[in-house]
Protein backbone atom coordinates (compact mmCIF):
# COMPACT_ATOMS: atom_id res chain seq x y z
CA UNK A 1 -37.90 20.14 16.83
CA UNK A 2 -34.02 18.74 18.59
CA UNK A 3 -35.53 17.10 21.24
CA UNK A 4 -38.56 15.49 18.67
CA UNK A 5 -35.94 14.03 16.45
CA UNK A 6 -33.79 12.63 19.11
CA UNK A 7 -36.29 11.24 20.57
CA UNK A 8 -37.60 10.02 17.41
CA UNK A 9 -34.04 8.59 16.33
CA UNK A 10 -33.91 6.64 19.88
CA UNK A 11 -37.06 4.59 19.88
CA UNK A 12 -37.18 3.70 16.17
CA UNK A 13 -36.61 -0.29 15.17
CA UNK A 14 -32.55 0.34 14.15
CA UNK A 15 -31.73 1.63 18.05
CA UNK A 16 -34.05 -1.40 19.32
CA UNK A 17 -32.42 -2.83 22.29
CA UNK A 18 -34.05 -6.75 21.83
CA UNK A 19 -32.65 -7.59 18.22
CA UNK A 20 -30.54 -9.53 17.92
CA UNK A 21 -27.53 -7.88 15.70
CA UNK A 22 -26.30 -9.93 12.71
CA UNK A 23 -22.62 -10.11 12.52
CA UNK A 24 -21.36 -11.15 9.02
CA UNK A 25 -18.97 -14.09 8.64
CA UNK A 26 -15.42 -12.42 7.93
CA UNK A 27 -13.87 -12.91 4.76
CA UNK A 28 -12.11 -16.10 3.80
CA UNK A 29 -9.39 -14.63 1.69
CA UNK A 30 -7.72 -11.82 3.67
CA UNK A 31 -7.17 -8.33 2.38
CA UNK A 32 -3.09 -9.26 2.19
CA UNK A 33 -3.90 -12.85 -0.03
CA UNK A 34 -6.66 -10.96 -2.49
CA UNK A 35 -3.24 -8.46 -3.09
CA UNK A 36 -0.36 -10.79 -2.98
CA UNK A 37 -2.85 -12.81 -5.95
CA UNK A 38 -3.23 -9.30 -7.88
CA UNK A 39 0.69 -8.94 -8.04
CA UNK A 40 1.19 -12.90 -8.89
CA UNK A 41 -1.53 -11.43 -11.89
CA UNK A 42 0.12 -8.38 -13.16
CA UNK A 43 3.50 -10.69 -12.47
CA UNK A 44 2.31 -13.94 -14.90
CA UNK A 45 0.23 -11.35 -17.50
CA UNK A 46 4.99 -9.90 -17.43
CA UNK A 47 5.75 -13.71 -17.14
CA UNK A 48 3.95 -15.02 -20.88
CA UNK A 49 5.48 -11.89 -22.92
CA UNK A 50 9.31 -12.57 -21.83
CA UNK A 51 10.67 -13.01 -25.22
CA UNK A 52 8.56 -9.75 -27.29
CA UNK A 53 10.53 -7.38 -29.03
CA UNK A 54 11.76 -3.94 -27.93
CA UNK A 55 9.89 -1.50 -29.80
CA UNK A 56 9.72 1.76 -28.80
CA UNK A 57 6.27 3.34 -28.45
CA UNK A 58 5.33 -0.13 -28.35
CA UNK A 59 1.97 -1.02 -26.28
CA UNK A 60 0.99 -4.66 -27.22
CA UNK A 61 2.49 -8.04 -28.28
CA UNK A 62 2.06 -8.12 -32.01
CA UNK A 63 4.40 -4.48 -32.86
CA UNK A 64 6.22 -5.39 -30.10
CA UNK A 65 7.36 -3.42 -26.52
CA UNK A 66 8.92 0.28 -25.18
CA UNK A 67 8.90 -0.40 -21.15
CA UNK A 68 5.81 1.89 -20.38
CA UNK A 69 3.90 -0.16 -23.16
CA UNK A 70 4.92 -3.56 -21.43
CA UNK A 71 4.46 -2.16 -17.84
CA UNK A 72 1.29 -1.02 -18.99
CA UNK A 73 -0.36 -3.41 -20.88
CA UNK A 74 0.58 -5.56 -18.03
CA UNK A 75 -1.44 -3.51 -15.20
CA UNK A 76 -4.61 -3.62 -18.29
CA UNK A 77 -4.22 -6.94 -19.13
CA UNK A 78 -3.46 -8.55 -15.22
CA UNK A 79 -5.35 -6.27 -12.81
CA UNK A 80 -6.99 -3.85 -15.78
CA UNK A 81 -5.70 -0.89 -14.34
CA UNK A 82 -4.71 1.33 -16.26
CA UNK A 83 -1.79 2.89 -15.61
CA UNK A 84 -0.47 6.37 -17.71
CA UNK A 85 2.16 5.94 -21.08
CA UNK A 86 5.09 6.69 -19.68
CA UNK A 87 7.95 5.60 -17.40
CA UNK A 88 7.58 9.66 -16.08
CA UNK A 89 4.65 9.76 -15.10
CA UNK A 90 4.01 6.46 -13.88
CA UNK A 91 6.50 7.47 -11.33
CA UNK A 92 4.30 10.27 -10.14
CA UNK A 93 1.52 6.90 -9.24
CA UNK A 94 0.57 5.42 -6.32
CA UNK A 95 2.54 5.16 -3.14
CA UNK A 96 6.54 5.69 -2.42
CA UNK A 97 8.88 2.11 -2.24
CA UNK A 98 12.54 1.39 -0.91
CA UNK A 99 14.51 0.06 -2.06
CA UNK A 100 14.49 -2.88 0.76
CA UNK A 101 10.61 -2.78 1.34
CA UNK A 102 10.08 -3.92 -2.59
CA UNK A 103 7.24 -6.52 -3.22
CA UNK A 104 6.89 -8.65 -6.16
CA UNK A 105 4.45 -6.45 -8.62
CA UNK A 106 6.26 -3.18 -7.60
CA UNK A 107 7.40 -1.16 -10.81
CA UNK A 108 10.78 -0.02 -10.78
CA UNK A 109 12.05 2.76 -11.36
CA UNK A 110 15.76 4.63 -13.02
CA UNK A 111 18.01 7.24 -14.85
CA UNK A 112 18.54 5.48 -17.94
CA UNK A 113 18.64 8.18 -20.41
CA UNK A 114 19.96 11.32 -17.64
CA UNK A 115 16.46 11.90 -17.08
CA UNK A 116 14.72 10.70 -13.66
CA UNK A 117 12.92 8.26 -14.01
CA UNK A 118 12.92 7.55 -18.03
CA UNK A 119 12.78 3.80 -17.32
CA UNK A 120 10.41 1.25 -16.04
CA UNK A 121 10.43 -2.84 -14.92
CA UNK A 122 8.12 -4.56 -12.41
CA UNK A 123 9.90 -6.26 -9.90
CA UNK A 124 9.33 -9.84 -9.65
CA UNK A 125 10.72 -10.57 -5.76
CA UNK A 126 15.00 -11.67 -5.82
CA UNK A 127 16.19 -8.59 -6.59
CA UNK A 128 15.14 -10.04 -10.30
CA UNK A 129 12.92 -7.29 -12.19
CA UNK A 130 10.84 -7.55 -15.99
CA UNK A 131 11.45 -4.52 -18.67
CA UNK A 132 11.57 -4.30 -22.26
CA UNK A 133 15.18 -3.02 -22.02
CA UNK A 134 16.18 -1.04 -25.69
CA UNK A 135 16.51 -1.25 -29.27
CA UNK A 136 17.14 -4.46 -30.91
CA UNK A 137 16.01 -6.34 -26.95
CA UNK A 138 13.41 -8.64 -26.17
CA UNK A 139 12.30 -8.46 -23.01
CA UNK A 140 13.43 -10.14 -20.15
CA UNK A 141 14.26 -10.34 -16.54
CA UNK A 142 17.80 -8.43 -14.87
CA UNK A 143 18.85 -8.43 -11.66
CA UNK A 144 18.65 -4.87 -9.88
CA UNK A 145 22.38 -5.56 -8.36
CA UNK A 146 24.23 -5.37 -11.79
CA UNK A 147 25.52 -1.89 -11.89
CA UNK A 148 24.29 -0.91 -14.57
CA UNK A 149 20.76 -1.34 -12.96
CA UNK A 150 22.10 -0.40 -9.44
CA UNK A 151 23.60 3.23 -10.62
CA UNK A 152 20.76 3.50 -11.85
CA UNK A 153 18.25 3.00 -9.68
CA UNK A 154 15.45 6.03 -9.67
CA UNK A 155 12.98 4.08 -7.09
CA UNK A 156 9.46 2.16 -6.63
CA UNK A 157 5.90 2.76 -6.60
CA UNK A 158 3.69 0.11 -5.43
CA UNK A 159 -0.11 0.39 -6.67
CA UNK A 160 -2.66 -1.20 -5.67
CA UNK A 161 -5.70 -1.58 -7.69
C-alpha cells in the first residue's frame, strides 16, 4: 500500500520535472517597510490627540484619556489592534524590548504609583514618548531622560499587529 501511494505521488502532475516552476514576484514593499509604516500610523494617530485632557478611566477623545485608554485608542484606531485595557495587562503583551533597542511605536512602562507597570506611553524616537500624564494634565510628549521618568522606567514592549 505504501509503495502504491509513493508511486502515485511520484508520477502525479505536481512532481513532473518537465513543467516550469512559477516563482511569484517579490513584494514591492519590504516587511521592514511595512512594519515601520504600521508604527508610523500609530504615532500619527497619537500626535493627532495631543492636548486632549486627562480623565481617569477615559478612553475617547470626547471623554478624555487616562494612560492606558490613550494607548488602547491609538492602537485600535491607528492599527486596528485591540490591546488589554490596563497598563499592567498591556505589559504582558508583545515582546520585551531593552531601552537601548526602542523603536517608534513601542510601549514604554513606568512605576508611577509604587506599582510596577502602572503607567504606559508610546515611544516616538529620540528619547521622546507621548502619553496621557495625570489628572489635570493633557496628552503630551515627554523625554525619557527626564529624571522623573528615568527613575520610574519599568521596561518596554513591542506589539506587532
